[in-house]
Amino acid sequence: MGKSSEHRAFTRPDETREFPNGKAEILNIGGGAVGRLSFQPGWRWSRDVQPLAKTKSCEAPHFQYHVSGRLAILMDDGKEFIAGPGDVTALPSGHDAWVVGDEPVVVVDWCGASDYGKRA
């Protein structure tokens, strides 16, 4: 983190990456990147992002705050859970995820967002 303060807003991201049923909005701030990831009902990583990433499962680690919606997460080791509004998750690489229900999911991610949704 730098020595001067910074104030940014997701209404003016540095980069927006769109993919089927979702998008990643990236802010570069404080010497790092933070992302707002939005997923529409029906979104699933293994269907909508995997073709871009070209990996078996999501290899991006995440440290994220769940703003809205419910997100099911299946780790490669078989652990499965659902995260919802107000939850914070720390996910190592090796997982799939999908939207549960009819409400869009929005998360703010402090780890892994800089490369999320990029083509391999």
PDB file of N, CA and C in Angstrom:
ATOM      1  N   MET A   1       0.846  -1.170   0.000  1.00  0.00           N
ATOM      2  CA  MET A   1       0.000   0.000   0.000  1.00  0.00           C
ATOM      3  C   MET A   1       0.896   1.240   0.000  1.00  0.00           C
ATOM      4  N   GLY A   2       0.493   2.221  -0.781  1.00  0.00           N
ATOM      5  CA  GLY A   2       1.261   3.456  -0.876  1.00  0.00           C
ATOM      6  C   GLY A   2       1.098   4.335   0.355  1.00  0.00           C
ATOM      7  N   LYS A   3       1.788   5.467   0.345  1.00  0.00           N
ATOM      8  CA  LYS A   3       1.755   6.389   1.484  1.00  0.00           C
ATOM      9  C   LYS A   3       0.661   7.438   1.357  1.00  0.00           C
ATOM     10  N   SER A   4       0.013   7.510   0.209  1.00  0.00           N
ATOM     11  CA  SER A   4      -1.062   8.491   0.046  1.00  0.00           C
ATOM     12  C   SER A   4      -2.408   7.772  -0.036  1.00  0.00           C
ATOM     13  N   SER A   5      -3.439   8.489   0.354  1.00  0.00           N
ATOM     14  CA  SER A   5      -4.778   7.889   0.330  1.00  0.00           C
ATOM     15  C   SER A   5      -5.308   7.849  -1.100  1.00  0.00           C
ATOM     16  N   GLU A   6      -6.197   6.902  -1.346  1.00  0.00           N
ATOM     17  CA  GLU A   6      -6.855   6.788  -2.644  1.00  0.00           C
ATOM     18  C   GLU A   6      -8.331   6.535  -2.404  1.00  0.00           C
ATOM     19  N   HIS A   7      -9.136   7.023  -3.298  1.00  0.00           N
ATOM     20  CA  HIS A   7     -10.589   6.836  -3.227  1.00  0.00           C
ATOM     21  C   HIS A   7     -11.068   6.483  -4.624  1.00  0.00           C
ATOM     22  N   ARG A   8     -11.635   5.307  -4.777  1.00  0.00           N
ATOM     23  CA  ARG A   8     -12.089   4.831  -6.082  1.00  0.00           C
ATOM     24  C   ARG A   8     -13.504   4.296  -5.948  1.00  0.00           C
ATOM     25  N   ALA A   9     -14.171   4.093  -7.081  1.00  0.00           N
ATOM     26  CA  ALA A   9     -15.528   3.551  -7.091  1.00  0.00           C
ATOM     27  C   ALA A   9     -15.675   2.569  -8.245  1.00  0.00           C
ATOM     28  N   PHE A  10     -16.450   1.526  -8.018  1.00  0.00           N
ATOM     29  CA  PHE A  10     -16.691   0.539  -9.072  1.00  0.00           C
ATOM     30  C   PHE A  10     -17.534   1.099 -10.214  1.00  0.00           C
ATOM     31  N   THR A  11     -18.090   2.299 -10.048  1.00  0.00           N
ATOM     32  CA  THR A  11     -18.817   2.922 -11.154  1.00  0.00           C
ATOM     33  C   THR A  11     -17.870   3.336 -12.277  1.00  0.00           C
ATOM     34  N   ARG A  12     -16.557   3.392 -11.966  1.00  0.00           N
ATOM     35  CA  ARG A  12     -15.542   3.716 -12.971  1.00  0.00           C
ATOM     36  C   ARG A  12     -14.372   2.741 -12.843  1.00  0.00           C
ATOM     37  N   PRO A  13     -14.587   1.461 -13.185  1.00  0.00           N
ATOM     38  CA  PRO A  13     -13.505   0.483 -13.049  1.00  0.00           C
ATOM     39  C   PRO A  13     -12.392   0.735 -14.066  1.00  0.00           C
ATOM     40  N   ASP A  14     -11.200   0.251 -13.751  1.00  0.00           N
ATOM     41  CA  ASP A  14     -10.083   0.333 -14.690  1.00  0.00           C
ATOM     42  C   ASP A  14     -10.265  -0.642 -15.844  1.00  0.00           C
ATOM     43  N   GLU A  15     -10.940  -1.739 -15.565  1.00  0.00           N
ATOM     44  CA  GLU A  15     -11.150  -2.767 -16.589  1.00  0.00           C
ATOM     45  C   GLU A  15     -12.434  -3.520 -16.277  1.00  0.00           C
ATOM     46  N   THR A  16     -13.162  -3.863 -17.322  1.00  0.00           N
ATOM     47  CA  THR A  16     -14.340  -4.719 -17.190  1.00  0.00           C
ATOM     48  C   THR A  16     -14.157  -5.903 -18.121  1.00  0.00           C
ATOM     49  N   ARG A  17     -14.268  -7.104 -17.557  1.00  0.00           N
ATOM     50  CA  ARG A  17     -14.186  -8.337 -18.352  1.00  0.00           C
ATOM     51  C   ARG A  17     -15.543  -9.010 -18.325  1.00  0.00           C
ATOM     52  N   GLU A  18     -16.157  -9.144 -19.484  1.00  0.00           N
ATOM     53  CA  GLU A  18     -17.455  -9.809 -19.563  1.00  0.00           C
ATOM     54  C   GLU A  18     -17.261 -11.235 -20.034  1.00  0.00           C
ATOM     55  N   PHE A  19     -18.072 -12.121 -19.508  1.00  0.00           N
ATOM     56  CA  PHE A  19     -18.089 -13.528 -19.896  1.00  0.00           C
ATOM     57  C   PHE A  19     -19.540 -13.972 -19.805  1.00  0.00           C
ATOM     58  N   PRO A  20     -19.894 -15.139 -20.337  1.00  0.00           N
ATOM     59  CA  PRO A  20     -21.302 -15.546 -20.305  1.00  0.00           C
ATOM     60  C   PRO A  20     -21.894 -15.482 -18.894  1.00  0.00           C
ATOM     61  N   ASN A  21     -22.998 -14.803 -18.754  1.00  0.00           N
ATOM     62  CA  ASN A  21     -23.754 -14.688 -17.500  1.00  0.00           C
ATOM     63  C   ASN A  21     -23.029 -13.955 -16.381  1.00  0.00           C
ATOM     64  N   GLY A  22     -21.998 -13.173 -16.708  1.00  0.00           N
ATOM     65  CA  GLY A  22     -21.319 -12.455 -15.639  1.00  0.00           C
ATOM     66  C   GLY A  22     -20.292 -11.462 -16.128  1.00  0.00           C
ATOM     67  N   LYS A  23     -19.673 -10.790 -15.161  1.00  0.00           N
ATOM     68  CA  LYS A  23     -18.601  -9.852 -15.480  1.00  0.00           C
ATOM     69  C   LYS A  23     -17.728  -9.633 -14.253  1.00  0.00           C
ATOM     70  N   ALA A  24     -16.507  -9.186 -14.516  1.00  0.00           N
ATOM     71  CA  ALA A  24     -15.550  -8.813 -13.478  1.00  0.00           C
ATOM     72  C   ALA A  24     -15.160  -7.363 -13.718  1.00  0.00           C
ATOM     73  N   GLU A  25     -15.352  -6.526 -12.693  1.00  0.00           N
ATOM     74  CA  GLU A  25     -14.956  -5.124 -12.770  1.00  0.00           C
ATOM     75  C   GLU A  25     -13.755  -4.950 -11.846  1.00  0.00           C
ATOM     76  N   ILE A  26     -12.651  -4.456 -12.396  1.00  0.00           N
ATOM     77  CA  ILE A  26     -11.379  -4.414 -11.681  1.00  0.00           C
ATOM     78  C   ILE A  26     -10.972  -2.971 -11.397  1.00  0.00           C
ATOM     79  N   LEU A  27     -10.608  -2.716 -10.140  1.00  0.00           N
ATOM     80  CA  LEU A  27     -10.017  -1.439  -9.734  1.00  0.00           C
ATOM     81  C   LEU A  27      -8.582  -1.690  -9.305  1.00  0.00           C
ATOM     82  N   ASN A  28      -7.664  -0.874  -9.807  1.00  0.00           N
ATOM     83  CA  ASN A  28      -6.283  -0.902  -9.337  1.00  0.00           C
ATOM     84  C   ASN A  28      -6.144   0.215  -8.315  1.00  0.00           C
ATOM     85  N   ILE A  29      -5.838  -0.180  -7.083  1.00  0.00           N
ATOM     86  CA  ILE A  29      -5.801   0.796  -5.990  1.00  0.00           C
ATOM     87  C   ILE A  29      -4.826   0.325  -4.909  1.00  0.00           C
ATOM     88  N   GLY A  30      -4.087   1.262  -4.347  1.00  0.00           N
ATOM     89  CA  GLY A  30      -3.176   0.932  -3.252  1.00  0.00           C
ATOM     90  C   GLY A  30      -2.090  -0.057  -3.625  1.00  0.00           C
ATOM     91  N   GLY A  31      -1.710  -0.092  -4.883  1.00  0.00           N
ATOM     92  CA  GLY A  31      -0.689  -1.022  -5.334  1.00  0.00           C
ATOM     93  C   GLY A  31      -1.195  -2.424  -5.603  1.00  0.00           C
ATOM     94  N   GLY A  32      -2.503  -2.627  -5.533  1.00  0.00           N
ATOM     95  CA  GLY A  32      -3.087  -3.943  -5.797  1.00  0.00           C
ATOM     96  C   GLY A  32      -4.357  -3.819  -6.611  1.00  0.00           C
ATOM     97  N   ALA A  33      -5.056  -4.921  -6.730  1.00  0.00           N
ATOM     98  CA  ALA A  33      -6.304  -4.948  -7.493  1.00  0.00           C
ATOM     99  C   ALA A  33      -7.417  -5.505  -6.620  1.00  0.00           C
ATOM    100  N   VAL A  34      -8.600  -4.949  -6.782  1.00  0.00           N
ATOM    101  CA  VAL A  34      -9.800  -5.469  -6.131  1.00  0.00           C
ATOM    102  C   VAL A  34     -10.853  -5.597  -7.226  1.00  0.00           C
ATOM    103  N   GLY A  35     -11.639  -6.657  -7.137  1.00  0.00           N
ATOM    104  CA  GLY A  35     -12.632  -6.883  -8.179  1.00  0.00           C
ATOM    105  C   GLY A  35     -14.031  -7.022  -7.627  1.00  0.00           C
ATOM    106  N   ARG A  36     -14.991  -6.515  -8.386  1.00  0.00           N
ATOM    107  CA  ARG A  36     -16.399  -6.787  -8.104  1.00  0.00           C
ATOM    108  C   ARG A  36     -16.837  -7.776  -9.175  1.00  0.00           C
ATOM    109  N   LEU A  37     -17.198  -8.973  -8.717  1.00  0.00           N
ATOM    110  CA  LEU A  37     -17.617 -10.040  -9.618  1.00  0.00           C
ATOM    111  C   LEU A  37     -19.126 -10.171  -9.531  1.00  0.00           C
ATOM    112  N   SER A  38     -19.784 -10.159 -10.676  1.00  0.00           N
ATOM    113  CA  SER A  38     -21.244 -10.255 -10.743  1.00  0.00           C
ATOM    114  C   SER A  38     -21.619 -11.458 -11.592  1.00  0.00           C
ATOM    115  N   PHE A  39     -22.510 -12.287 -11.067  1.00  0.00           N
ATOM    116  CA  PHE A  39     -22.948 -13.504 -11.750  1.00  0.00           C
ATOM    117  C   PHE A  39     -24.470 -13.535 -11.803  1.00  0.00           C
ATOM    118  N   GLN A  40     -25.013 -13.787 -12.972  1.00  0.00           N
ATOM    119  CA  GLN A  40     -26.459 -13.843 -13.157  1.00  0.00           C
ATOM    120  C   GLN A  40     -26.991 -15.237 -12.809  1.00  0.00           C
ATOM    121  N   PRO A  41     -28.285 -15.326 -12.494  1.00  0.00           N
ATOM    122  CA  PRO A  41     -28.880 -16.653 -12.267  1.00  0.00           C
ATOM    123  C   PRO A  41     -28.567 -17.570 -13.454  1.00  0.00           C
ATOM    124  N   GLY A  42     -28.188 -18.794 -13.145  1.00  0.00           N
ATOM    125  CA  GLY A  42     -27.798 -19.751 -14.178  1.00  0.00           C
ATOM    126  C   GLY A  42     -26.300 -19.811 -14.415  1.00  0.00           C
ATOM    127  N   TRP A  43     -25.534 -18.830 -13.889  1.00  0.00           N
ATOM    128  CA  TRP A  43     -24.090 -18.836 -14.075  1.00  0.00           C
ATOM    129  C   TRP A  43     -23.463 -20.009 -13.340  1.00  0.00           C
ATOM    130  N   ARG A  44     -22.480 -20.625 -13.993  1.00  0.00           N
ATOM    131  CA  ARG A  44     -21.666 -21.668 -13.369  1.00  0.00           C
ATOM    132  C   ARG A  44     -20.251 -21.542 -13.925  1.00  0.00           C
ATOM    133  N   TRP A  45     -19.252 -21.541 -13.022  1.00  0.00           N
ATOM    134  CA  TRP A  45     -17.872 -21.366 -13.464  1.00  0.00           C
ATOM    135  C   TRP A  45     -17.496 -22.404 -14.513  1.00  0.00           C
ATOM    136  N   SER A  46     -17.796 -23.678 -14.258  1.00  0.00           N
ATOM    137  CA  SER A  46     -17.362 -24.756 -15.151  1.00  0.00           C
ATOM    138  C   SER A  46     -17.994 -24.672 -16.535  1.00  0.00           C
ATOM    139  N   ARG A  47     -19.071 -23.943 -16.686  1.00  0.00           N
ATOM    140  CA  ARG A  47     -19.709 -23.784 -17.993  1.00  0.00           C
ATOM    141  C   ARG A  47     -19.376 -22.426 -18.624  1.00  0.00           C
ATOM    142  N   ASP A  48     -19.334 -21.367 -17.803  1.00  0.00           N
ATOM    143  CA  ASP A  48     -19.244 -20.016 -18.345  1.00  0.00           C
ATOM    144  C   ASP A  48     -17.842 -19.408 -18.348  1.00  0.00           C
ATOM    145  N   VAL A  49     -16.960 -19.853 -17.472  1.00  0.00           N
ATOM    146  CA  VAL A  49     -15.610 -19.285 -17.402  1.00  0.00           C
ATOM    147  C   VAL A  49     -14.545 -20.311 -17.776  1.00  0.00           C
ATOM    148  N   GLN A  50     -14.776 -21.578 -17.492  1.00  0.00           N
ATOM    149  CA  GLN A  50     -13.790 -22.624 -17.783  1.00  0.00           C
ATOM    150  C   GLN A  50     -13.318 -22.596 -19.239  1.00  0.00           C
ATOM    151  N   PRO A  51     -14.202 -22.380 -20.220  1.00  0.00           N
ATOM    152  CA  PRO A  51     -13.710 -22.320 -21.599  1.00  0.00           C
ATOM    153  C   PRO A  51     -12.707 -21.181 -21.835  1.00  0.00           C
ATOM    154  N   LEU A  52     -12.778 -20.119 -21.047  1.00  0.00           N
ATOM    155  CA  LEU A  52     -11.806 -19.027 -21.156  1.00  0.00           C
ATOM    156  C   LEU A  52     -10.514 -19.368 -20.428  1.00  0.00           C
ATOM    157  N   ALA A  53     -10.649 -19.938 -19.229  1.00  0.00           N
ATOM    158  CA  ALA A  53      -9.487 -20.245 -18.387  1.00  0.00           C
ATOM    159  C   ALA A  53      -8.711 -21.458 -18.891  1.00  0.00           C
ATOM    160  N   LYS A  54      -9.431 -22.402 -19.492  1.00  0.00           N
ATOM    161  CA  LYS A  54      -8.833 -23.645 -20.002  1.00  0.00           C
ATOM    162  C   LYS A  54      -8.147 -24.453 -18.901  1.00  0.00           C
ATOM    163  N   THR A  55      -8.756 -24.457 -17.709  1.00  0.00           N
ATOM    164  CA  THR A  55      -8.279 -25.281 -16.604  1.00  0.00           C
ATOM    165  C   THR A  55      -9.430 -26.167 -16.136  1.00  0.00           C
ATOM    166  N   LYS A  56      -9.111 -27.265 -15.455  1.00  0.00           N
ATOM    167  CA  LYS A  56     -10.136 -28.202 -14.986  1.00  0.00           C
ATOM    168  C   LYS A  56     -11.101 -27.533 -14.012  1.00  0.00           C
ATOM    169  N   SER A  57     -10.563 -26.743 -13.102  1.00  0.00           N
ATOM    170  CA  SER A  57     -11.377 -26.012 -12.129  1.00  0.00           C
ATOM    171  C   SER A  57     -10.782 -24.616 -11.983  1.00  0.00           C
ATOM    172  N   CYS A  58     -11.452 -23.750 -11.225  1.00  0.00           N
ATOM    173  CA  CYS A  58     -10.962 -22.381 -11.049  1.00  0.00           C
ATOM    174  C   CYS A  58      -9.656 -22.412 -10.266  1.00  0.00           C
ATOM    175  N   GLU A  59      -8.604 -21.886 -10.858  1.00  0.00           N
ATOM    176  CA  GLU A  59      -7.289 -21.875 -10.222  1.00  0.00           C
ATOM    177  C   GLU A  59      -7.001 -20.551  -9.515  1.00  0.00           C
ATOM    178  N   ALA A  60      -7.930 -19.597  -9.600  1.00  0.00           N
ATOM    179  CA  ALA A  60      -7.736 -18.312  -8.915  1.00  0.00           C
ATOM    180  C   ALA A  60      -8.117 -18.460  -7.446  1.00  0.00           C
ATOM    181  N   PRO A  61      -7.218 -18.109  -6.525  1.00  0.00           N
ATOM    182  CA  PRO A  61      -7.623 -18.073  -5.118  1.00  0.00           C
ATOM    183  C   PRO A  61      -8.503 -16.846  -4.903  1.00  0.00           C
ATOM    184  N   HIS A  62      -9.383 -16.911  -3.924  1.00  0.00           N
ATOM    185  CA  HIS A  62     -10.277 -15.782  -3.655  1.00  0.00           C
ATOM    186  C   HIS A  62     -10.337 -15.491  -2.159  1.00  0.00           C
ATOM    187  N   PHE A  63     -10.389 -14.214  -1.836  1.00  0.00           N
ATOM    188  CA  PHE A  63     -10.690 -13.731  -0.490  1.00  0.00           C
ATOM    189  C   PHE A  63     -11.764 -12.689  -0.711  1.00  0.00           C
ATOM    190  N   GLN A  64     -13.021 -13.070  -0.448  1.00  0.00           N
ATOM    191  CA  GLN A  64     -14.117 -12.243  -0.938  1.00  0.00           C
ATOM    192  C   GLN A  64     -15.237 -12.049   0.071  1.00  0.00           C
ATOM    193  N   TYR A  65     -15.890 -10.897  -0.083  1.00  0.00           N
ATOM    194  CA  TYR A  65     -17.068 -10.542   0.699  1.00  0.00           C
ATOM    195  C   TYR A  65     -18.280 -10.695  -0.208  1.00  0.00           C
ATOM    196  N   HIS A  66     -19.290 -11.412   0.279  1.00  0.00           N
ATOM    197  CA  HIS A  66     -20.501 -11.676  -0.505  1.00  0.00           C
ATOM    198  C   HIS A  66     -21.529 -10.582  -0.234  1.00  0.00           C
ATOM    199  N   VAL A  67     -21.811  -9.782  -1.257  1.00  0.00           N
ATOM    200  CA  VAL A  67     -22.723  -8.642  -1.149  1.00  0.00           C
ATOM    201  C   VAL A  67     -24.171  -9.088  -1.302  1.00  0.00           C
ATOM    202  N   SER A  68     -24.437  -9.916  -2.320  1.00  0.00           N
ATOM    203  CA  SER A  68     -25.819 -10.331  -2.575  1.00  0.00           C
ATOM    204  C   SER A  68     -25.849 -11.683  -3.276  1.00  0.00           C
ATOM    205  N   GLY A  69     -27.001 -12.323  -3.210  1.00  0.00           N
ATOM    206  CA  GLY A  69     -27.195 -13.616  -3.852  1.00  0.00           C
ATOM    207  C   GLY A  69     -26.559 -14.754  -3.073  1.00  0.00           C
ATOM    208  N   ARG A  70     -26.817 -15.962  -3.562  1.00  0.00           N
ATOM    209  CA  ARG A  70     -26.269 -17.168  -2.924  1.00  0.00           C
ATOM    210  C   ARG A  70     -25.406 -17.906  -3.934  1.00  0.00           C
ATOM    211  N   LEU A  71     -24.196 -18.260  -3.495  1.00  0.00           N
ATOM    212  CA  LEU A  71     -23.209 -18.897  -4.348  1.00  0.00           C
ATOM    213  C   LEU A  71     -22.821 -20.246  -3.761  1.00  0.00           C
ATOM    214  N   ALA A  72     -23.069 -21.310  -4.515  1.00  0.00           N
ATOM    215  CA  ALA A  72     -22.618 -22.646  -4.109  1.00  0.00           C
ATOM    216  C   ALA A  72     -21.178 -22.815  -4.562  1.00  0.00           C
ATOM    217  N   ILE A  73     -20.359 -23.407  -3.698  1.00  0.00           N
ATOM    218  CA  ILE A  73     -18.945 -23.611  -3.982  1.00  0.00           C
ATOM    219  C   ILE A  73     -18.620 -25.073  -3.726  1.00  0.00           C
ATOM    220  N   LEU A  74     -17.980 -25.710  -4.700  1.00  0.00           N
ATOM    221  CA  LEU A  74     -17.544 -27.099  -4.590  1.00  0.00           C
ATOM    222  C   LEU A  74     -16.037 -27.128  -4.773  1.00  0.00           C
ATOM    223  N   MET A  75     -15.323 -27.463  -3.697  1.00  0.00           N
ATOM    224  CA  MET A  75     -13.869 -27.557  -3.748  1.00  0.00           C
ATOM    225  C   MET A  75     -13.466 -28.872  -4.412  1.00  0.00           C
ATOM    226  N   ASP A  76     -12.280 -28.902  -5.011  1.00  0.00           N
ATOM    227  CA  ASP A  76     -11.798 -30.127  -5.649  1.00  0.00           C
ATOM    228  C   ASP A  76     -11.683 -31.285  -4.666  1.00  0.00           C
ATOM    229  N   ASP A  77     -11.519 -30.990  -3.362  1.00  0.00           N
ATOM    230  CA  ASP A  77     -11.423 -32.058  -2.362  1.00  0.00           C
ATOM    231  C   ASP A  77     -12.794 -32.594  -1.946  1.00  0.00           C
ATOM    232  N   GLY A  78     -13.881 -32.066  -2.547  1.00  0.00           N
ATOM    233  CA  GLY A  78     -15.226 -32.553  -2.263  1.00  0.00           C
ATOM    234  C   GLY A  78     -16.015 -31.715  -1.277  1.00  0.00           C
ATOM    235  N   LYS A  79     -15.368 -30.781  -0.572  1.00  0.00           N
ATOM    236  CA  LYS A  79     -16.092 -29.916   0.368  1.00  0.00           C
ATOM    237  C   LYS A  79     -17.014 -28.996  -0.425  1.00  0.00           C
ATOM    238  N   GLU A  80     -18.266 -28.891   0.038  1.00  0.00           N
ATOM    239  CA  GLU A  80     -19.255 -28.063  -0.646  1.00  0.00           C
ATOM    240  C   GLU A  80     -20.010 -27.222   0.374  1.00  0.00           C
ATOM    241  N   PHE A  81     -20.261 -25.966   0.032  1.00  0.00           N
ATOM    242  CA  PHE A  81     -21.031 -25.086   0.912  1.00  0.00           C
ATOM    243  C   PHE A  81     -21.667 -23.980   0.088  1.00  0.00           C
ATOM    244  N   ILE A  82     -22.582 -23.249   0.729  1.00  0.00           N
ATOM    245  CA  ILE A  82     -23.247 -22.114   0.086  1.00  0.00           C
ATOM    246  C   ILE A  82     -22.922 -20.864   0.884  1.00  0.00           C
ATOM    247  N   ALA A  83     -22.476 -19.815   0.183  1.00  0.00           N
ATOM    248  CA  ALA A  83     -22.183 -18.520   0.795  1.00  0.00           C
ATOM    249  C   ALA A  83     -23.252 -17.527   0.366  1.00  0.00           C
ATOM    250  N   GLY A  84     -23.630 -16.650   1.302  1.00  0.00           N
ATOM    251  CA  GLY A  84     -24.662 -15.662   1.019  1.00  0.00           C
ATOM    252  C   GLY A  84     -24.281 -14.288   1.516  1.00  0.00           C
ATOM    253  N   PRO A  85     -25.203 -13.333   1.417  1.00  0.00           N
ATOM    254  CA  PRO A  85     -24.931 -11.955   1.804  1.00  0.00           C
ATOM    255  C   PRO A  85     -24.348 -11.849   3.216  1.00  0.00           C
ATOM    256  N   GLY A  86     -23.275 -11.074   3.325  1.00  0.00           N
ATOM    257  CA  GLY A  86     -22.615 -10.869   4.610  1.00  0.00           C
ATOM    258  C   GLY A  86     -21.521 -11.871   4.908  1.00  0.00           C
ATOM    259  N   ASP A  87     -21.427 -12.941   4.123  1.00  0.00           N
ATOM    260  CA  ASP A  87     -20.387 -13.949   4.345  1.00  0.00           C
ATOM    261  C   ASP A  87     -19.059 -13.491   3.754  1.00  0.00           C
ATOM    262  N   VAL A  88     -17.976 -14.002   4.324  1.00  0.00           N
ATOM    263  CA  VAL A  88     -16.632 -13.810   3.803  1.00  0.00           C
ATOM    264  C   VAL A  88     -16.066 -15.194   3.548  1.00  0.00           C
ATOM    265  N   THR A  89     -15.482 -15.401   2.364  1.00  0.00           N
ATOM    266  CA  THR A  89     -14.910 -16.704   2.043  1.00  0.00           C
ATOM    267  C   THR A  89     -13.455 -16.555   1.620  1.00  0.00           C
ATOM    268  N   ALA A  90     -12.653 -17.532   2.014  1.00  0.00           N
ATOM    269  CA  ALA A  90     -11.269 -17.658   1.576  1.00  0.00           C
ATOM    270  C   ALA A  90     -11.186 -18.983   0.833  1.00  0.00           C
ATOM    271  N   LEU A  91     -10.961 -18.913  -0.460  1.00  0.00           N
ATOM    272  CA  LEU A  91     -10.966 -20.112  -1.294  1.00  0.00           C
ATOM    273  C   LEU A  91      -9.604 -20.296  -1.943  1.00  0.00           C
ATOM    274  N   PRO A  92      -8.940 -21.416  -1.686  1.00  0.00           N
ATOM    275  CA  PRO A  92      -7.718 -21.698  -2.429  1.00  0.00           C
ATOM    276  C   PRO A  92      -8.075 -22.108  -3.857  1.00  0.00           C
ATOM    277  N   SER A  93      -7.091 -22.200  -4.700  1.00  0.00           N
ATOM    278  CA  SER A  93      -7.348 -22.634  -6.072  1.00  0.00           C
ATOM    279  C   SER A  93      -7.906 -24.056  -6.054  1.00  0.00           C
ATOM    280  N   GLY A  94      -8.675 -24.372  -7.090  1.00  0.00           N
ATOM    281  CA  GLY A  94      -9.257 -25.706  -7.217  1.00  0.00           C
ATOM    282  C   GLY A  94     -10.693 -25.774  -6.757  1.00  0.00           C
ATOM    283  N   HIS A  95     -11.597 -25.130  -7.482  1.00  0.00           N
ATOM    284  CA  HIS A  95     -13.008 -25.136  -7.099  1.00  0.00           C
ATOM    285  C   HIS A  95     -13.900 -24.824  -8.300  1.00  0.00           C
ATOM    286  N   ASP A  96     -15.170 -25.142  -8.153  1.00  0.00           N
ATOM    287  CA  ASP A  96     -16.232 -24.750  -9.081  1.00  0.00           C
ATOM    288  C   ASP A  96     -17.217 -23.934  -8.253  1.00  0.00           C
ATOM    289  N   ALA A  97     -18.064 -23.150  -8.900  1.00  0.00           N
ATOM    290  CA  ALA A  97     -19.074 -22.367  -8.183  1.00  0.00           C
ATOM    291  C   ALA A  97     -20.238 -22.098  -9.121  1.00  0.00           C
ATOM    292  N   TRP A  98     -21.428 -21.885  -8.529  1.00  0.00           N
ATOM    293  CA  TRP A  98     -22.607 -21.581  -9.330  1.00  0.00           C
ATOM    294  C   TRP A  98     -23.613 -20.798  -8.500  1.00  0.00           C
ATOM    295  N   VAL A  99     -24.441 -20.023  -9.212  1.00  0.00           N
ATOM    296  CA  VAL A  99     -25.488 -19.235  -8.568  1.00  0.00           C
ATOM    297  C   VAL A  99     -26.619 -20.163  -8.147  1.00  0.00           C
ATOM    298  N   VAL A 100     -27.096 -19.980  -6.915  1.00  0.00           N
ATOM    299  CA  VAL A 100     -28.235 -20.726  -6.384  1.00  0.00           C
ATOM    300  C   VAL A 100     -29.433 -19.779  -6.367  1.00  0.00           C
ATOM    301  N   GLY A 101     -30.519 -20.164  -7.006  1.00  0.00           N
ATOM    302  CA  GLY A 101     -31.733 -19.351  -6.984  1.00  0.00           C
ATOM    303  C   GLY A 101     -31.797 -18.339  -8.107  1.00  0.00           C
ATOM    304  N   ASP A 102     -32.708 -17.380  -7.940  1.00  0.00           N
ATOM    305  CA  ASP A 102     -33.018 -16.411  -8.992  1.00  0.00           C
ATOM    306  C   ASP A 102     -32.432 -15.025  -8.762  1.00  0.00           C
ATOM    307  N   GLU A 103     -31.609 -14.858  -7.734  1.00  0.00           N
ATOM    308  CA  GLU A 103     -31.015 -13.548  -7.450  1.00  0.00           C
ATOM    309  C   GLU A 103     -29.571 -13.522  -7.937  1.00  0.00           C
ATOM    310  N   PRO A 104     -29.170 -12.459  -8.641  1.00  0.00           N
ATOM    311  CA  PRO A 104     -27.770 -12.350  -9.047  1.00  0.00           C
ATOM    312  C   PRO A 104     -26.842 -12.351  -7.829  1.00  0.00           C
ATOM    313  N   VAL A 105     -25.636 -12.844  -8.035  1.00  0.00           N
ATOM    314  CA  VAL A 105     -24.601 -12.858  -6.999  1.00  0.00           C
ATOM    315  C   VAL A 105     -23.618 -11.728  -7.281  1.00  0.00           C
ATOM    316  N   VAL A 106     -23.262 -10.996  -6.231  1.00  0.00           N
ATOM    317  CA  VAL A 106     -22.211  -9.981  -6.315  1.00  0.00           C
ATOM    318  C   VAL A 106     -21.249 -10.232  -5.164  1.00  0.00           C
ATOM    319  N   VAL A 107     -19.955 -10.336  -5.489  1.00  0.00           N
ATOM    320  CA  VAL A 107     -18.913 -10.469  -4.474  1.00  0.00           C
ATOM    321  C   VAL A 107     -17.843  -9.415  -4.736  1.00  0.00           C
ATOM    322  N   VAL A 108     -17.176  -8.990  -3.677  1.00  0.00           N
ATOM    323  CA  VAL A 108     -16.005  -8.127  -3.796  1.00  0.00           C
ATOM    324  C   VAL A 108     -14.813  -8.983  -3.396  1.00  0.00           C
ATOM    325  N   ASP A 109     -13.841  -9.087  -4.305  1.00  0.00           N
ATOM    326  CA  ASP A 109     -12.733 -10.033  -4.167  1.00  0.00           C
ATOM    327  C   ASP A 109     -11.399  -9.291  -4.104  1.00  0.00           C
ATOM    328  N   TRP A 110     -10.662  -9.527  -3.010  1.00  0.00           N
ATOM    329  CA  TRP A 110      -9.363  -8.884  -2.821  1.00  0.00           C
ATOM    330  C   TRP A 110      -8.199  -9.779  -3.245  1.00  0.00           C
ATOM    331  N   CYS A 111      -8.476 -10.965  -3.704  1.00  0.00           N
ATOM    332  CA  CYS A 111      -7.401 -11.885  -4.098  1.00  0.00           C
ATOM    333  C   CYS A 111      -7.872 -12.677  -5.306  1.00  0.00           C
ATOM    334  N   GLY A 112      -7.140 -12.654  -6.368  1.00  0.00           N
ATOM    335  CA  GLY A 112      -7.511 -13.432  -7.542  1.00  0.00           C
ATOM    336  C   GLY A 112      -8.253 -12.649  -8.601  1.00  0.00           C
ATOM    337  N   ALA A 113      -8.725 -11.464  -8.276  1.00  0.00           N
ATOM    338  CA  ALA A 113      -9.519 -10.692  -9.230  1.00  0.00           C
ATOM    339  C   ALA A 113      -8.682 -10.179 -10.402  1.00  0.00           C
ATOM    340  N   SER A 114      -7.401  -9.943 -10.186  1.00  0.00           N
ATOM    341  CA  SER A 114      -6.582  -9.345 -11.243  1.00  0.00           C
ATOM    342  C   SER A 114      -6.533 -10.204 -12.501  1.00  0.00           C
ATOM    343  N   ASP A 115      -6.678 -11.509 -12.377  1.00  0.00           N
ATOM    344  CA  ASP A 115      -6.645 -12.396 -13.541  1.00  0.00           C
ATOM    345  C   ASP A 115      -7.984 -13.057 -13.839  1.00  0.00           C
ATOM    346  N   TYR A 116      -9.011 -12.784 -13.039  1.00  0.00           N
ATOM    347  CA  TYR A 116     -10.283 -13.499 -13.175  1.00  0.00           C
ATOM    348  C   TYR A 116     -10.969 -13.168 -14.498  1.00  0.00           C
ATOM    349  N   GLY A 117     -11.385 -14.202 -15.205  1.00  0.00           N
ATOM    350  CA  GLY A 117     -12.125 -14.028 -16.447  1.00  0.00           C
ATOM    351  C   GLY A 117     -11.270 -13.686 -17.649  1.00  0.00           C
ATOM    352  N   LYS A 118      -9.939 -13.748 -17.505  1.00  0.00           N
ATOM    353  CA  LYS A 118      -9.053 -13.510 -18.646  1.00  0.00           C
ATOM    354  C   LYS A 118      -8.961 -14.773 -19.484  1.00  0.00           C
ATOM    355  N   ARG A 119      -8.767 -14.578 -20.764  1.00  0.00           N
ATOM    356  CA  ARG A 119      -8.546 -15.723 -21.652  1.00  0.00           C
ATOM    357  C   ARG A 119      -7.141 -16.274 -21.430  1.00  0.00           C
ATOM    358  N   ALA A 120      -7.037 -17.604 -21.408  1.00  0.00           N
ATOM    359  CA  ALA A 120      -5.730 -18.251 -21.215  1.00  0.00           C
ATOM    360  C   ALA A 120      -4.881 -18.090 -22.459  1.00  0.00           C
TER     361      ALA A 120
END
